[in-house]
Amino acid sequence: MEINRLWQDNLKTKIKCFFVQLFFMKYEFITSKFPSSVENIRDAEVIVFGVPYDATVDFLPGTRFGPKIIREAANFIEPFDVELGKNVLEEVKIFDLGDLEPVRGDAKKTVERVEEQVKEIIKMKKFPLMLGGEHLISLGAVKAFGKDAKIVCFDAHYDLKEVWQGCDYAHNTWLRRAAEIIGEKNISLIGVRTGDEFEYDFSKKMLVNPSIEDLAKFVKENKIYLSIDMDVFDPAYAPGVGTPEPFGLVPAYVLPIIELIAKTSNIIGMDVVEVRPLEDRKTEVLAARLIFKSLLYMSQI
């Protein structure tokens, strides 16, 4: 009995020491979290969260792994920006909230969960930064902001289909649903180069592939929700997406546009979506750098 008791006590001590060591890890290195500059959500300016969802993708699945690989890439690129001479982790207070659990069999309920989460972040007076995941999740953020913001969306596709394969909540219908909330005139699409004739007709009230001058007028002193679908870039730069499309944008062309939006408007929320894993890791590295750049541009206002 005494030996058994001593063994149990020794085991308890070992277990206790093990968890204490974990809790007080001095040199912990985590790549499953987006690089954060604060440990408490109350101190944050930007709250990052992922939505690992790709249930309505009809071509190349895997964007549900997007939040994970964007985080990994963000941990392996420099937070210091040579162009701006600033470190994003010193300029912006970032906190990673983790991933939102989607409803696998219900796209609409998943959107509702995103909406609820973004509303909570808005209540805290923080900036929501969402990682995806298919583009449908952006609809939840738009619903959370309501008519309070215009949308600037970088995308190779219109995403304006009325319905797709019997579903009105899908990765290529989300902007149609968003237009029903905020109106077509409050949406600008940049980088669009494919779609059907019905989407083309519906988009005529929107600002599509605008000149820099027209975009500047559209965003000036307005609240903007910024959505970046990584398929807006040419597949040479971002091959790891759900629906790649040739003849896309060059990253160096996009950066000045984002900088213009950041400096002339009030960006109140942002997402980067449609990233899926490939061996070359190009797409998530570009996505992570775009996020760092965008946050720094906004911090300079």
Protein backbone atom coordinates (compact mmCIF):
# COMPACT_ATOMS: atom_id res chain seq x y z
CA MET A 1 0.00 0.00 0.00
CA GLU A 2 2.80 2.38 0.96
CA ILE A 3 4.68 1.70 -2.28
CA ASN A 4 1.51 2.22 -4.29
CA ARG A 5 0.82 5.51 -2.51
CA LEU A 6 4.39 6.72 -3.07
CA TRP A 7 4.16 5.77 -6.76
CA GLN A 8 0.91 7.71 -7.12
CA ASP A 9 2.40 10.74 -5.35
CA ASN A 10 5.48 10.58 -7.55
CA LEU A 11 3.34 10.34 -10.68
CA LYS A 12 1.26 13.33 -9.60
CA THR A 13 4.44 15.33 -8.99
CA LYS A 14 5.81 14.44 -12.42
CA ILE A 15 2.53 15.40 -14.10
CA LYS A 16 2.42 18.67 -12.16
CA CYS A 17 6.03 19.49 -13.10
CA PHE A 18 5.33 18.68 -16.73
CA PHE A 19 2.46 21.14 -16.98
CA VAL A 20 4.34 23.78 -15.01
CA GLN A 21 7.19 23.49 -17.51
CA LEU A 22 4.76 23.89 -20.37
CA PHE A 23 3.12 26.89 -18.78
CA PHE A 24 6.42 28.62 -18.09
CA MET A 25 8.10 27.81 -21.42
CA LYS A 26 10.74 30.53 -21.62
CA TYR A 27 11.61 30.27 -25.31
CA GLU A 28 8.35 29.06 -26.79
CA PHE A 29 8.04 29.23 -30.58
CA ILE A 30 4.56 28.96 -32.05
CA THR A 31 3.75 29.08 -35.76
CA SER A 32 0.10 28.15 -35.36
CA LYS A 33 -0.71 31.70 -34.23
CA PHE A 34 -0.47 34.87 -36.29
CA PRO A 35 2.45 36.98 -35.04
CA SER A 36 1.09 38.98 -32.12
CA SER A 37 2.44 42.03 -30.36
CA VAL A 38 0.14 41.90 -27.31
CA GLU A 39 -0.80 39.06 -24.97
CA ASN A 40 -4.17 40.43 -23.93
CA ILE A 41 -7.08 40.95 -26.32
CA ARG A 42 -8.06 44.12 -24.48
CA ASP A 43 -4.76 45.72 -25.47
CA ALA A 44 -5.15 44.84 -29.16
CA GLU A 45 -5.96 47.16 -32.04
CA VAL A 46 -6.29 44.35 -34.59
CA ILE A 47 -7.95 41.00 -33.86
CA VAL A 48 -7.06 38.19 -36.25
CA PHE A 49 -9.26 35.14 -36.63
CA GLY A 50 -9.52 32.36 -39.17
CA VAL A 51 -12.48 30.61 -40.78
CA PRO A 52 -11.34 27.20 -42.09
CA TYR A 53 -14.25 26.68 -44.46
CA ASP A 54 -14.41 25.60 -48.11
CA ALA A 55 -17.61 23.56 -48.33
CA THR A 56 -19.03 25.35 -51.41
CA VAL A 57 -15.81 25.38 -53.46
CA ASP A 58 -16.49 23.59 -56.73
CA PHE A 59 -13.05 23.39 -58.36
CA LEU A 60 -9.97 23.04 -56.13
CA PRO A 61 -10.68 22.27 -52.44
CA GLY A 62 -8.28 22.97 -49.61
CA THR A 63 -8.85 26.61 -48.76
CA ARG A 64 -10.03 25.44 -45.35
CA PHE A 65 -6.31 25.14 -44.60
CA GLY A 66 -5.77 28.78 -45.59
CA PRO A 67 -5.79 30.28 -42.08
CA LYS A 68 -3.23 27.73 -40.90
CA ILE A 69 -0.74 28.23 -43.72
CA ILE A 70 -1.07 32.04 -43.75
CA ARG A 71 -0.17 32.02 -40.05
CA GLU A 72 2.79 29.74 -40.68
CA ALA A 73 4.07 31.97 -43.48
CA ALA A 74 3.61 35.09 -41.37
CA ASN A 75 5.91 33.58 -38.74
CA PHE A 76 8.69 33.00 -41.26
CA ILE A 77 8.84 36.37 -42.99
CA GLU A 78 10.34 39.51 -41.50
CA PRO A 79 7.88 41.84 -39.73
CA PHE A 80 10.20 44.72 -40.59
CA ASP A 81 9.30 46.52 -43.83
CA VAL A 82 12.29 47.85 -45.77
CA GLU A 83 10.18 50.20 -47.92
CA LEU A 84 8.51 51.85 -44.94
CA GLY A 85 11.33 51.44 -42.45
CA LYS A 86 8.95 50.12 -39.81
CA ASN A 87 8.22 46.87 -37.95
CA VAL A 88 4.55 45.90 -38.07
CA LEU A 89 4.72 44.29 -34.62
CA GLU A 90 6.01 47.54 -33.15
CA GLU A 91 3.52 49.75 -34.98
CA VAL A 92 0.33 47.67 -34.66
CA LYS A 93 -1.05 45.86 -31.62
CA ILE A 94 -2.12 42.46 -32.98
CA PHE A 95 -3.90 39.60 -31.20
CA ASP A 96 -4.79 36.21 -32.73
CA LEU A 97 -8.14 34.95 -31.49
CA GLY A 98 -7.83 31.55 -33.20
CA ASP A 99 -10.21 29.89 -35.63
CA LEU A 100 -13.98 30.11 -35.77
CA GLU A 101 -15.63 26.70 -35.97
CA PRO A 102 -17.72 26.57 -39.18
CA VAL A 103 -20.92 24.59 -39.65
CA ARG A 104 -19.73 22.08 -42.23
CA GLY A 105 -23.11 21.23 -43.67
CA ASP A 106 -24.68 24.66 -43.54
CA ALA A 107 -23.17 27.62 -45.42
CA LYS A 108 -25.76 30.08 -44.16
CA LYS A 109 -25.16 29.20 -40.50
CA THR A 110 -21.42 29.53 -41.05
CA VAL A 111 -21.97 33.05 -42.40
CA GLU A 112 -24.12 33.80 -39.36
CA ARG A 113 -21.32 32.68 -37.06
CA VAL A 114 -18.87 34.96 -38.86
CA GLU A 115 -21.33 37.84 -38.57
CA GLU A 116 -21.71 37.23 -34.84
CA GLN A 117 -17.96 37.08 -34.32
CA VAL A 118 -17.27 40.27 -36.26
CA LYS A 119 -20.02 42.09 -34.36
CA GLU A 120 -18.31 41.12 -31.09
CA ILE A 121 -15.02 42.54 -32.38
CA ILE A 122 -16.78 45.73 -33.49
CA LYS A 123 -18.33 46.08 -30.03
CA MET A 124 -14.83 45.95 -28.57
CA LYS A 125 -13.86 48.78 -30.96
CA LYS A 126 -11.20 46.61 -32.56
CA PHE A 127 -10.25 46.00 -36.18
CA PRO A 128 -11.32 42.56 -37.51
CA LEU A 129 -8.82 40.77 -39.76
CA MET A 130 -10.22 37.52 -41.13
CA LEU A 131 -8.23 34.70 -42.75
CA GLY A 132 -9.88 32.23 -45.12
CA GLY A 133 -11.13 29.99 -46.24
CA GLU A 134 -13.42 30.46 -49.22
CA HIS A 135 -14.78 33.88 -50.17
CA LEU A 136 -18.28 33.21 -48.85
CA ILE A 137 -17.08 34.00 -45.33
CA SER A 138 -16.68 37.68 -46.32
CA LEU A 139 -20.47 37.94 -46.43
CA GLY A 140 -20.60 37.46 -42.66
CA ALA A 141 -18.35 40.47 -42.13
CA VAL A 142 -20.41 42.57 -44.56
CA LYS A 143 -23.56 41.62 -42.66
CA ALA A 144 -21.91 42.67 -39.40
CA PHE A 145 -21.04 46.14 -40.71
CA GLY A 146 -24.31 46.49 -42.65
CA LYS A 147 -24.79 49.67 -44.64
CA ASP A 148 -22.09 51.37 -42.61
CA ALA A 149 -19.33 50.57 -45.10
CA LYS A 150 -18.53 50.35 -48.78
CA ILE A 151 -16.74 47.29 -50.16
CA VAL A 152 -13.50 47.27 -52.10
CA CYS A 153 -12.90 43.74 -53.33
CA PHE A 154 -9.83 42.43 -55.14
CA ASP A 155 -10.94 39.37 -57.10
CA ALA A 156 -10.50 37.64 -60.45
CA HIS A 157 -14.22 36.79 -60.42
CA TYR A 158 -17.41 38.78 -60.07
CA ASP A 159 -18.91 36.42 -57.45
CA LEU A 160 -22.28 37.87 -58.43
CA LYS A 161 -24.18 34.75 -59.40
CA GLU A 162 -27.78 34.72 -58.24
CA VAL A 163 -27.53 31.04 -57.36
CA TRP A 164 -24.94 28.31 -57.97
CA GLN A 165 -25.82 24.64 -58.25
CA GLY A 166 -29.00 25.21 -56.26
CA CYS A 167 -27.25 27.20 -53.51
CA ASP A 168 -27.65 30.94 -52.92
CA TYR A 169 -24.89 30.97 -50.28
CA ALA A 170 -21.71 30.00 -52.12
CA HIS A 171 -18.20 31.26 -52.81
CA ASN A 172 -19.35 32.75 -56.13
CA THR A 173 -22.67 34.25 -54.94
CA TRP A 174 -21.49 36.08 -51.83
CA LEU A 175 -21.07 39.52 -53.43
CA ARG A 176 -24.58 39.30 -54.92
CA ARG A 177 -25.91 38.79 -51.39
CA ALA A 178 -23.71 41.65 -50.17
CA ALA A 179 -25.08 43.94 -52.89
CA GLU A 180 -28.59 43.18 -51.64
CA ILE A 181 -27.51 44.61 -48.28
CA ILE A 182 -25.47 47.70 -49.17
CA GLY A 183 -26.44 48.35 -52.80
CA GLU A 184 -24.44 47.92 -56.00
CA LYS A 185 -23.20 51.51 -56.04
CA ASN A 186 -21.30 50.93 -52.83
CA ILE A 187 -19.12 48.15 -54.25
CA SER A 188 -15.88 48.38 -56.19
CA LEU A 189 -14.30 45.32 -57.83
CA ILE A 190 -10.64 45.34 -58.81
CA GLY A 191 -8.91 42.72 -60.94
CA VAL A 192 -12.03 41.07 -62.35
CA ARG A 193 -11.34 39.19 -65.58
CA THR A 194 -13.91 36.40 -65.76
CA GLY A 195 -17.61 35.76 -65.20
CA ASP A 196 -20.82 35.08 -67.08
CA GLU A 197 -22.94 37.57 -69.01
CA PHE A 198 -25.50 37.85 -66.20
CA GLU A 199 -22.83 38.85 -63.68
CA TYR A 200 -21.42 41.27 -66.23
CA ASP A 201 -24.82 42.97 -66.62
CA PHE A 202 -25.48 43.06 -62.88
CA SER A 203 -22.09 44.67 -62.23
CA LYS A 204 -22.78 47.73 -64.41
CA LYS A 205 -23.94 49.76 -61.41
CA MET A 206 -20.72 48.92 -59.58
CA LEU A 207 -17.28 50.43 -59.94
CA VAL A 208 -15.42 47.65 -61.77
CA ASN A 209 -11.70 47.78 -62.61
CA PRO A 210 -11.65 51.54 -62.02
CA SER A 211 -8.98 54.06 -62.82
CA ILE A 212 -6.93 55.30 -59.88
CA GLU A 213 -8.80 58.61 -60.06
CA ASP A 214 -12.24 56.96 -59.93
CA LEU A 215 -11.19 54.65 -57.10
CA ALA A 216 -9.85 57.60 -55.13
CA LYS A 217 -13.23 59.35 -55.44
CA PHE A 218 -15.07 56.16 -54.44
CA VAL A 219 -13.10 55.59 -51.22
CA LYS A 220 -12.35 59.17 -50.16
CA GLU A 221 -13.32 59.73 -46.51
CA ASN A 222 -15.60 56.67 -46.56
CA LYS A 223 -15.63 53.59 -44.36
CA ILE A 224 -14.27 50.69 -46.38
CA TYR A 225 -14.38 46.94 -45.91
CA LEU A 226 -11.38 45.51 -47.78
CA SER A 227 -11.58 41.98 -49.15
CA ILE A 228 -8.65 40.35 -50.96
CA ASP A 229 -9.23 37.12 -52.85
CA MET A 230 -5.77 35.80 -53.66
CA ASP A 231 -6.89 34.64 -57.10
CA VAL A 232 -6.82 38.30 -58.13
CA PHE A 233 -3.12 37.75 -58.70
CA ASP A 234 -1.74 35.95 -61.70
CA PRO A 235 -1.19 32.24 -60.97
CA ALA A 236 2.54 32.82 -61.50
CA TYR A 237 2.48 34.74 -58.18
CA ALA A 238 -0.39 32.99 -56.39
CA PRO A 239 -1.02 29.46 -57.71
CA GLY A 240 -2.43 28.16 -54.43
CA VAL A 241 -6.05 29.29 -54.75
CA GLY A 242 -9.43 27.63 -55.15
CA THR A 243 -10.17 28.96 -58.64
CA PRO A 244 -7.04 30.21 -60.44
CA GLU A 245 -7.49 32.49 -63.43
CA PRO A 246 -4.80 33.48 -65.97
CA PHE A 247 -3.74 37.03 -66.87
CA GLY A 248 -3.96 38.30 -63.31
CA LEU A 249 -2.54 41.25 -61.44
CA VAL A 250 1.08 41.69 -60.43
CA PRO A 251 1.60 42.19 -56.65
CA ALA A 252 3.71 45.31 -57.18
CA TYR A 253 0.73 46.88 -58.98
CA VAL A 254 -1.66 46.11 -56.12
CA LEU A 255 0.40 47.60 -53.28
CA PRO A 256 0.04 51.27 -54.34
CA ILE A 257 -3.72 50.74 -54.66
CA ILE A 258 -3.98 49.38 -51.13
CA GLU A 259 -1.81 52.24 -49.90
CA LEU A 260 -4.11 54.74 -51.62
CA ILE A 261 -7.18 53.18 -50.01
CA ALA A 262 -5.53 53.11 -46.59
CA LYS A 263 -4.46 56.76 -46.74
CA THR A 264 -7.63 58.28 -48.18
CA SER A 265 -10.38 56.25 -46.51
CA ASN A 266 -11.20 54.60 -43.19
CA ILE A 267 -10.65 50.86 -43.58
CA ILE A 268 -12.75 49.31 -40.81
CA GLY A 269 -12.21 45.61 -41.54
CA MET A 270 -10.30 43.30 -43.83
CA ASP A 271 -10.06 39.73 -45.02
CA VAL A 272 -7.62 37.67 -47.10
CA VAL A 273 -9.24 34.56 -48.54
CA GLU A 274 -9.04 31.64 -50.99
CA VAL A 275 -5.57 30.41 -50.00
CA ARG A 276 -4.89 26.69 -50.30
CA PRO A 277 -1.67 24.77 -49.69
CA LEU A 278 0.81 23.95 -52.44
CA GLU A 279 4.41 22.81 -52.09
CA ASP A 280 5.95 26.06 -53.35
CA ARG A 281 4.33 28.12 -50.54
CA LYS A 282 4.19 31.20 -52.80
CA THR A 283 0.58 32.11 -52.15
CA GLU A 284 0.57 32.15 -48.37
CA VAL A 285 3.86 34.07 -48.24
CA LEU A 286 2.36 36.71 -50.53
CA ALA A 287 -0.82 36.76 -48.43
CA ALA A 288 1.13 37.24 -45.21
CA ARG A 289 3.23 40.03 -46.70
CA LEU A 290 0.09 41.76 -48.03
CA ILE A 291 -1.38 41.69 -44.54
CA PHE A 292 1.78 43.16 -42.99
CA LYS A 293 1.91 45.85 -45.67
CA SER A 294 -1.77 46.74 -45.33
CA LEU A 295 -1.56 47.05 -41.55
CA LEU A 296 1.47 49.31 -41.83
CA TYR A 297 -0.20 51.49 -44.45
CA MET A 298 -3.19 51.89 -42.14
CA SER A 299 -1.00 52.63 -39.13
CA GLN A 300 0.51 55.64 -40.90
CA ILE A 301 -2.75 57.56 -41.11
